Amino acid sequence: MRKISDKGELIRQSIVDYMKSYQAENGVLPTFAEIQDAMGFASKSTVAYYMDILVRDGKVKKVESNLRRSYYMPL
């Protein structure tokens, strides 16, 4: 039986996998709207919630900017 925290980890890993795949195909990371659509989230605030966790965990880096795509994946 899976723990509740495992569901969150699975979602976060799915987001990271999607971001890597999108970046490989398009040369840039997806927007929040594109992540929202791909993950089936109801709102962009859900994407922001998970992105904050991914930044905290070091899987995604955030650049302080007004640019639409202000995140990047560390190598």
PDB file of N, CA and C in Angstrom:
ATOM      1  N   MET A   1       0.836  -1.184   0.000  1.00  0.00           N
ATOM      2  CA  MET A   1       0.000   0.000   0.000  1.00  0.00           C
ATOM      3  C   MET A   1       0.880   1.245   0.000  1.00  0.00           C
ATOM      4  N   ARG A   2       0.527   2.210  -0.849  1.00  0.00           N
ATOM      5  CA  ARG A   2       1.310   3.418  -0.993  1.00  0.00           C
ATOM      6  C   ARG A   2       0.922   4.453   0.050  1.00  0.00           C
ATOM      7  N   LYS A   3       1.914   5.149   0.581  1.00  0.00           N
ATOM      8  CA  LYS A   3       1.649   6.232   1.528  1.00  0.00           C
ATOM      9  C   LYS A   3       1.227   7.475   0.760  1.00  0.00           C
ATOM     10  N   ILE A   4       0.552   8.395   1.448  1.00  0.00           N
ATOM     11  CA  ILE A   4       0.097   9.639   0.820  1.00  0.00           C
ATOM     12  C   ILE A   4       1.293  10.417   0.267  1.00  0.00           C
ATOM     13  N   SER A   5       2.389  10.465   0.994  1.00  0.00           N
ATOM     14  CA  SER A   5       3.557  11.211   0.529  1.00  0.00           C
ATOM     15  C   SER A   5       4.097  10.622  -0.771  1.00  0.00           C
ATOM     16  N   ASP A   6       3.907   9.337  -0.998  1.00  0.00           N
ATOM     17  CA  ASP A   6       4.373   8.716  -2.235  1.00  0.00           C
ATOM     18  C   ASP A   6       3.629   9.289  -3.441  1.00  0.00           C
ATOM     19  N   LYS A   7       2.362   9.643  -3.282  1.00  0.00           N
ATOM     20  CA  LYS A   7       1.592  10.231  -4.378  1.00  0.00           C
ATOM     21  C   LYS A   7       2.203  11.573  -4.786  1.00  0.00           C
ATOM     22  N   GLY A   8       2.550  12.387  -3.790  1.00  0.00           N
ATOM     23  CA  GLY A   8       3.186  13.669  -4.081  1.00  0.00           C
ATOM     24  C   GLY A   8       4.519  13.488  -4.774  1.00  0.00           C
ATOM     25  N   GLU A   9       5.285  12.503  -4.340  1.00  0.00           N
ATOM     26  CA  GLU A   9       6.579  12.226  -4.970  1.00  0.00           C
ATOM     27  C   GLU A   9       6.385  11.771  -6.416  1.00  0.00           C
ATOM     28  N   LEU A  10       5.368  10.967  -6.632  1.00  0.00           N
ATOM     29  CA  LEU A  10       5.075  10.497  -7.985  1.00  0.00           C
ATOM     30  C   LEU A  10       4.677  11.666  -8.887  1.00  0.00           C
ATOM     31  N   ILE A  11       3.869  12.575  -8.378  1.00  0.00           N
ATOM     32  CA  ILE A  11       3.463  13.756  -9.147  1.00  0.00           C
ATOM     33  C   ILE A  11       4.678  14.625  -9.458  1.00  0.00           C
ATOM     34  N   ARG A  12       5.518  14.866  -8.449  1.00  0.00           N
ATOM     35  CA  ARG A  12       6.712  15.691  -8.672  1.00  0.00           C
ATOM     36  C   ARG A  12       7.629  15.063  -9.715  1.00  0.00           C
ATOM     37  N   GLN A  13       7.823  13.752  -9.636  1.00  0.00           N
ATOM     38  CA  GLN A  13       8.686  13.077 -10.609  1.00  0.00           C
ATOM     39  C   GLN A  13       8.071  13.140 -12.002  1.00  0.00           C
ATOM     40  N   SER A  14       6.754  13.030 -12.077  1.00  0.00           N
ATOM     41  CA  SER A  14       6.077  13.131 -13.368  1.00  0.00           C
ATOM     42  C   SER A  14       6.275  14.521 -13.977  1.00  0.00           C
ATOM     43  N   ILE A  15       6.224  15.554 -13.145  1.00  0.00           N
ATOM     44  CA  ILE A  15       6.455  16.919 -13.623  1.00  0.00           C
ATOM     45  C   ILE A  15       7.887  17.060 -14.142  1.00  0.00           C
ATOM     46  N   VAL A  16       8.854  16.572 -13.376  1.00  0.00           N
ATOM     47  CA  VAL A  16      10.259  16.644 -13.792  1.00  0.00           C
ATOM     48  C   VAL A  16      10.457  15.894 -15.108  1.00  0.00           C
ATOM     49  N   ASP A  17       9.892  14.704 -15.224  1.00  0.00           N
ATOM     50  CA  ASP A  17      10.027  13.921 -16.455  1.00  0.00           C
ATOM     51  C   ASP A  17       9.412  14.660 -17.638  1.00  0.00           C
ATOM     52  N   TYR A  18       8.241  15.264 -17.428  1.00  0.00           N
ATOM     53  CA  TYR A  18       7.591  16.030 -18.491  1.00  0.00           C
ATOM     54  C   TYR A  18       8.454  17.221 -18.891  1.00  0.00           C
ATOM     55  N   MET A  19       8.978  17.926 -17.908  1.00  0.00           N
ATOM     56  CA  MET A  19       9.808  19.095 -18.189  1.00  0.00           C
ATOM     57  C   MET A  19      11.048  18.712 -18.995  1.00  0.00           C
ATOM     58  N   LYS A  20      11.698  17.626 -18.631  1.00  0.00           N
ATOM     59  CA  LYS A  20      12.890  17.169 -19.352  1.00  0.00           C
ATOM     60  C   LYS A  20      12.540  16.797 -20.789  1.00  0.00           C
ATOM     61  N   SER A  21      11.445  16.074 -20.959  1.00  0.00           N
ATOM     62  CA  SER A  21      11.006  15.656 -22.284  1.00  0.00           C
ATOM     63  C   SER A  21      10.645  16.865 -23.144  1.00  0.00           C
ATOM     64  N   TYR A  22       9.906  17.800 -22.566  1.00  0.00           N
ATOM     65  CA  TYR A  22       9.502  19.008 -23.282  1.00  0.00           C
ATOM     66  C   TYR A  22      10.731  19.817 -23.697  1.00  0.00           C
ATOM     67  N   GLN A  23      11.686  19.948 -22.758  1.00  0.00           N
ATOM     68  CA  GLN A  23      12.894  20.709 -23.052  1.00  0.00           C
ATOM     69  C   GLN A  23      13.710  20.050 -24.162  1.00  0.00           C
ATOM     70  N   ALA A  24      13.795  18.725 -24.155  1.00  0.00           N
ATOM     71  CA  ALA A  24      14.539  18.008 -25.189  1.00  0.00           C
ATOM     72  C   ALA A  24      13.909  18.224 -26.564  1.00  0.00           C
ATOM     73  N   GLU A  25      12.571  18.294 -26.610  1.00  0.00           N
ATOM     74  CA  GLU A  25      11.870  18.457 -27.878  1.00  0.00           C
ATOM     75  C   GLU A  25      11.817  19.910 -28.353  1.00  0.00           C
ATOM     76  N   ASN A  26      11.738  20.863 -27.421  1.00  0.00           N
ATOM     77  CA  ASN A  26      11.478  22.255 -27.778  1.00  0.00           C
ATOM     78  C   ASN A  26      12.606  23.229 -27.469  1.00  0.00           C
ATOM     79  N   GLY A  27      13.588  22.790 -26.706  1.00  0.00           N
ATOM     80  CA  GLY A  27      14.714  23.652 -26.383  1.00  0.00           C
ATOM     81  C   GLY A  27      14.478  24.617 -25.235  1.00  0.00           C
ATOM     82  N   VAL A  28      13.267  24.647 -24.707  1.00  0.00           N
ATOM     83  CA  VAL A  28      12.915  25.479 -23.550  1.00  0.00           C
ATOM     84  C   VAL A  28      12.024  24.663 -22.631  1.00  0.00           C
ATOM     85  N   LEU A  29      11.896  25.119 -21.391  1.00  0.00           N
ATOM     86  CA  LEU A  29      10.996  24.441 -20.468  1.00  0.00           C
ATOM     87  C   LEU A  29       9.555  24.864 -20.729  1.00  0.00           C
ATOM     88  N   PRO A  30       8.593  24.030 -20.352  1.00  0.00           N
ATOM     89  CA  PRO A  30       7.191  24.376 -20.568  1.00  0.00           C
ATOM     90  C   PRO A  30       6.733  25.495 -19.635  1.00  0.00           C
ATOM     91  N   THR A  31       5.693  26.201 -20.043  1.00  0.00           N
ATOM     92  CA  THR A  31       5.074  27.209 -19.188  1.00  0.00           C
ATOM     93  C   THR A  31       4.213  26.509 -18.139  1.00  0.00           C
ATOM     94  N   PHE A  32       3.771  27.266 -17.142  1.00  0.00           N
ATOM     95  CA  PHE A  32       2.873  26.699 -16.134  1.00  0.00           C
ATOM     96  C   PHE A  32       1.596  26.173 -16.794  1.00  0.00           C
ATOM     97  N   ALA A  33       1.081  26.897 -17.783  1.00  0.00           N
ATOM     98  CA  ALA A  33      -0.146  26.467 -18.468  1.00  0.00           C
ATOM     99  C   ALA A  33       0.071  25.133 -19.183  1.00  0.00           C
ATOM    100  N   GLU A  34       1.240  24.960 -19.786  1.00  0.00           N
ATOM    101  CA  GLU A  34       1.542  23.699 -20.464  1.00  0.00           C
ATOM    102  C   GLU A  34       1.696  22.557 -19.463  1.00  0.00           C
ATOM    103  N   ILE A  35       2.328  22.822 -18.320  1.00  0.00           N
ATOM    104  CA  ILE A  35       2.450  21.800 -17.275  1.00  0.00           C
ATOM    105  C   ILE A  35       1.066  21.468 -16.728  1.00  0.00           C
ATOM    106  N   GLN A  36       0.258  22.497 -16.500  1.00  0.00           N
ATOM    107  CA  GLN A  36      -1.101  22.300 -15.995  1.00  0.00           C
ATOM    108  C   GLN A  36      -1.882  21.365 -16.919  1.00  0.00           C
ATOM    109  N   ASP A  37      -1.818  21.632 -18.203  1.00  0.00           N
ATOM    110  CA  ASP A  37      -2.534  20.825 -19.180  1.00  0.00           C
ATOM    111  C   ASP A  37      -2.006  19.390 -19.212  1.00  0.00           C
ATOM    112  N   ALA A  38      -0.690  19.243 -19.232  1.00  0.00           N
ATOM    113  CA  ALA A  38      -0.072  17.909 -19.317  1.00  0.00           C
ATOM    114  C   ALA A  38      -0.359  17.052 -18.083  1.00  0.00           C
ATOM    115  N   MET A  39      -0.397  17.685 -16.916  1.00  0.00           N
ATOM    116  CA  MET A  39      -0.614  16.950 -15.670  1.00  0.00           C
ATOM    117  C   MET A  39      -2.092  16.820 -15.307  1.00  0.00           C
ATOM    118  N   GLY A  40      -2.936  17.568 -15.996  1.00  0.00           N
ATOM    119  CA  GLY A  40      -4.365  17.513 -15.712  1.00  0.00           C
ATOM    120  C   GLY A  40      -4.763  18.261 -14.450  1.00  0.00           C
ATOM    121  N   PHE A  41      -3.969  19.265 -14.064  1.00  0.00           N
ATOM    122  CA  PHE A  41      -4.281  20.060 -12.878  1.00  0.00           C
ATOM    123  C   PHE A  41      -5.413  21.033 -13.192  1.00  0.00           C
ATOM    124  N   ALA A  42      -6.180  21.382 -12.172  1.00  0.00           N
ATOM    125  CA  ALA A  42      -7.308  22.296 -12.336  1.00  0.00           C
ATOM    126  C   ALA A  42      -6.859  23.753 -12.427  1.00  0.00           C
ATOM    127  N   SER A  43      -5.693  24.078 -11.873  1.00  0.00           N
ATOM    128  CA  SER A  43      -5.256  25.474 -11.871  1.00  0.00           C
ATOM    129  C   SER A  43      -3.734  25.582 -11.925  1.00  0.00           C
ATOM    130  N   LYS A  44      -3.280  26.775 -12.303  1.00  0.00           N
ATOM    131  CA  LYS A  44      -1.836  27.031 -12.336  1.00  0.00           C
ATOM    132  C   LYS A  44      -1.263  27.133 -10.931  1.00  0.00           C
ATOM    133  N   SER A  45      -2.106  27.431  -9.948  1.00  0.00           N
ATOM    134  CA  SER A  45      -1.603  27.503  -8.576  1.00  0.00           C
ATOM    135  C   SER A  45      -1.139  26.124  -8.097  1.00  0.00           C
ATOM    136  N   THR A  46      -1.726  25.071  -8.623  1.00  0.00           N
ATOM    137  CA  THR A  46      -1.259  23.723  -8.295  1.00  0.00           C
ATOM    138  C   THR A  46       0.126  23.501  -8.878  1.00  0.00           C
ATOM    139  N   VAL A  47       0.343  23.983 -10.086  1.00  0.00           N
ATOM    140  CA  VAL A  47       1.671  23.904 -10.705  1.00  0.00           C
ATOM    141  C   VAL A  47       2.670  24.685  -9.853  1.00  0.00           C
ATOM    142  N   ALA A  48       2.298  25.896  -9.440  1.00  0.00           N
ATOM    143  CA  ALA A  48       3.180  26.728  -8.615  1.00  0.00           C
ATOM    144  C   ALA A  48       3.532  26.031  -7.312  1.00  0.00           C
ATOM    145  N   TYR A  49       2.565  25.363  -6.713  1.00  0.00           N
ATOM    146  CA  TYR A  49       2.794  24.624  -5.465  1.00  0.00           C
ATOM    147  C   TYR A  49       3.883  23.568  -5.666  1.00  0.00           C
ATOM    148  N   TYR A  50       3.721  22.761  -6.728  1.00  0.00           N
ATOM    149  CA  TYR A  50       4.701  21.706  -6.976  1.00  0.00           C
ATOM    150  C   TYR A  50       6.046  22.267  -7.421  1.00  0.00           C
ATOM    151  N   MET A  51       6.039  23.361  -8.172  1.00  0.00           N
ATOM    152  CA  MET A  51       7.305  23.975  -8.586  1.00  0.00           C
ATOM    153  C   MET A  51       8.074  24.498  -7.374  1.00  0.00           C
ATOM    154  N   ASP A  52       7.373  25.075  -6.410  1.00  0.00           N
ATOM    155  CA  ASP A  52       8.038  25.535  -5.183  1.00  0.00           C
ATOM    156  C   ASP A  52       8.719  24.372  -4.474  1.00  0.00           C
ATOM    157  N   ILE A  53       8.071  23.230  -4.431  1.00  0.00           N
ATOM    158  CA  ILE A  53       8.661  22.047  -3.800  1.00  0.00           C
ATOM    159  C   ILE A  53       9.875  21.569  -4.599  1.00  0.00           C
ATOM    160  N   LEU A  54       9.752  21.559  -5.924  1.00  0.00           N
ATOM    161  CA  LEU A  54      10.876  21.126  -6.764  1.00  0.00           C
ATOM    162  C   LEU A  54      12.063  22.063  -6.626  1.00  0.00           C
ATOM    163  N   VAL A  55      11.808  23.352  -6.481  1.00  0.00           N
ATOM    164  CA  VAL A  55      12.890  24.316  -6.243  1.00  0.00           C
ATOM    165  C   VAL A  55      13.529  24.034  -4.893  1.00  0.00           C
ATOM    166  N   ARG A  56      12.706  23.847  -3.881  1.00  0.00           N
ATOM    167  CA  ARG A  56      13.218  23.555  -2.543  1.00  0.00           C
ATOM    168  C   ARG A  56      14.080  22.293  -2.535  1.00  0.00           C
ATOM    169  N   ASP A  57      13.665  21.294  -3.298  1.00  0.00           N
ATOM    170  CA  ASP A  57      14.403  20.020  -3.352  1.00  0.00           C
ATOM    171  C   ASP A  57      15.606  20.065  -4.290  1.00  0.00           C
ATOM    172  N   GLY A  58      15.792  21.187  -5.003  1.00  0.00           N
ATOM    173  CA  GLY A  58      16.941  21.333  -5.892  1.00  0.00           C
ATOM    174  C   GLY A  58      16.795  20.675  -7.246  1.00  0.00           C
ATOM    175  N   LYS A  59      15.602  20.217  -7.595  1.00  0.00           N
ATOM    176  CA  LYS A  59      15.400  19.564  -8.892  1.00  0.00           C
ATOM    177  C   LYS A  59      15.167  20.572  -9.998  1.00  0.00           C
ATOM    178  N   VAL A  60      14.721  21.765  -9.612  1.00  0.00           N
ATOM    179  CA  VAL A  60      14.486  22.860 -10.552  1.00  0.00           C
ATOM    180  C   VAL A  60      15.058  24.116  -9.916  1.00  0.00           C
ATOM    181  N   LYS A  61      15.627  24.968 -10.728  1.00  0.00           N
ATOM    182  CA  LYS A  61      16.153  26.246 -10.241  1.00  0.00           C
ATOM    183  C   LYS A  61      15.248  27.363 -10.730  1.00  0.00           C
ATOM    184  N   LYS A  62      15.092  28.392  -9.905  1.00  0.00           N
ATOM    185  CA  LYS A  62      14.291  29.546 -10.273  1.00  0.00           C
ATOM    186  C   LYS A  62      15.201  30.752 -10.435  1.00  0.00           C
ATOM    187  N   VAL A  63      14.978  31.475 -11.508  1.00  0.00           N
ATOM    188  CA  VAL A  63      15.713  32.696 -11.785  1.00  0.00           C
ATOM    189  C   VAL A  63      14.769  33.851 -11.475  1.00  0.00           C
ATOM    190  N   GLU A  64      15.222  34.791 -10.660  1.00  0.00           N
ATOM    191  CA  GLU A  64      14.390  35.952 -10.351  1.00  0.00           C
ATOM    192  C   GLU A  64      14.318  36.822 -11.591  1.00  0.00           C
ATOM    193  N   SER A  65      13.163  36.831 -12.221  1.00  0.00           N
ATOM    194  CA  SER A  65      12.998  37.528 -13.480  1.00  0.00           C
ATOM    195  C   SER A  65      11.518  37.734 -13.756  1.00  0.00           C
ATOM    196  N   ASN A  66      11.223  38.661 -14.630  1.00  0.00           N
ATOM    197  CA  ASN A  66       9.848  38.867 -15.074  1.00  0.00           C
ATOM    198  C   ASN A  66       9.555  38.058 -16.332  1.00  0.00           C
ATOM    199  N   LEU A  67      10.495  37.242 -16.742  1.00  0.00           N
ATOM    200  CA  LEU A  67      10.307  36.433 -17.936  1.00  0.00           C
ATOM    201  C   LEU A  67       9.263  35.355 -17.700  1.00  0.00           C
ATOM    202  N   ARG A  68       8.601  34.975 -18.751  1.00  0.00           N
ATOM    203  CA  ARG A  68       7.572  33.947 -18.670  1.00  0.00           C
ATOM    204  C   ARG A  68       8.157  32.602 -18.232  1.00  0.00           C
ATOM    205  N   ARG A  69       9.343  32.306 -18.693  1.00  0.00           N
ATOM    206  CA  ARG A  69       9.984  31.037 -18.359  1.00  0.00           C
ATOM    207  C   ARG A  69      11.170  31.341 -17.453  1.00  0.00           C
ATOM    208  N   SER A  70      10.926  31.382 -16.169  1.00  0.00           N
ATOM    209  CA  SER A  70      11.972  31.788 -15.226  1.00  0.00           C
ATOM    210  C   SER A  70      12.504  30.625 -14.406  1.00  0.00           C
ATOM    211  N   TYR A  71      12.374  29.397 -14.927  1.00  0.00           N
ATOM    212  CA  TYR A  71      12.896  28.215 -14.256  1.00  0.00           C
ATOM    213  C   TYR A  71      13.851  27.513 -15.197  1.00  0.00           C
ATOM    214  N   TYR A  72      14.780  26.752 -14.638  1.00  0.00           N
ATOM    215  CA  TYR A  72      15.625  25.914 -15.475  1.00  0.00           C
ATOM    216  C   TYR A  72      15.969  24.642 -14.712  1.00  0.00           C
ATOM    217  N   MET A  73      16.392  23.634 -15.461  1.00  0.00           N
ATOM    218  CA  MET A  73      16.749  22.352 -14.887  1.00  0.00           C
ATOM    219  C   MET A  73      18.263  22.323 -14.717  1.00  0.00           C
ATOM    220  N   PRO A  74      18.745  22.095 -13.493  1.00  0.00           N
ATOM    221  CA  PRO A  74      20.196  21.994 -13.307  1.00  0.00           C
ATOM    222  C   PRO A  74      20.727  20.733 -13.976  1.00  0.00           C
ATOM    223  N   LEU A  75      21.951  20.811 -14.438  1.00  0.00           N
ATOM    224  CA  LEU A  75      22.568  19.647 -15.113  1.00  0.00           C
ATOM    225  C   LEU A  75      22.978  18.599 -14.124  1.00  0.00           C
TER     226      LEU A  75
END
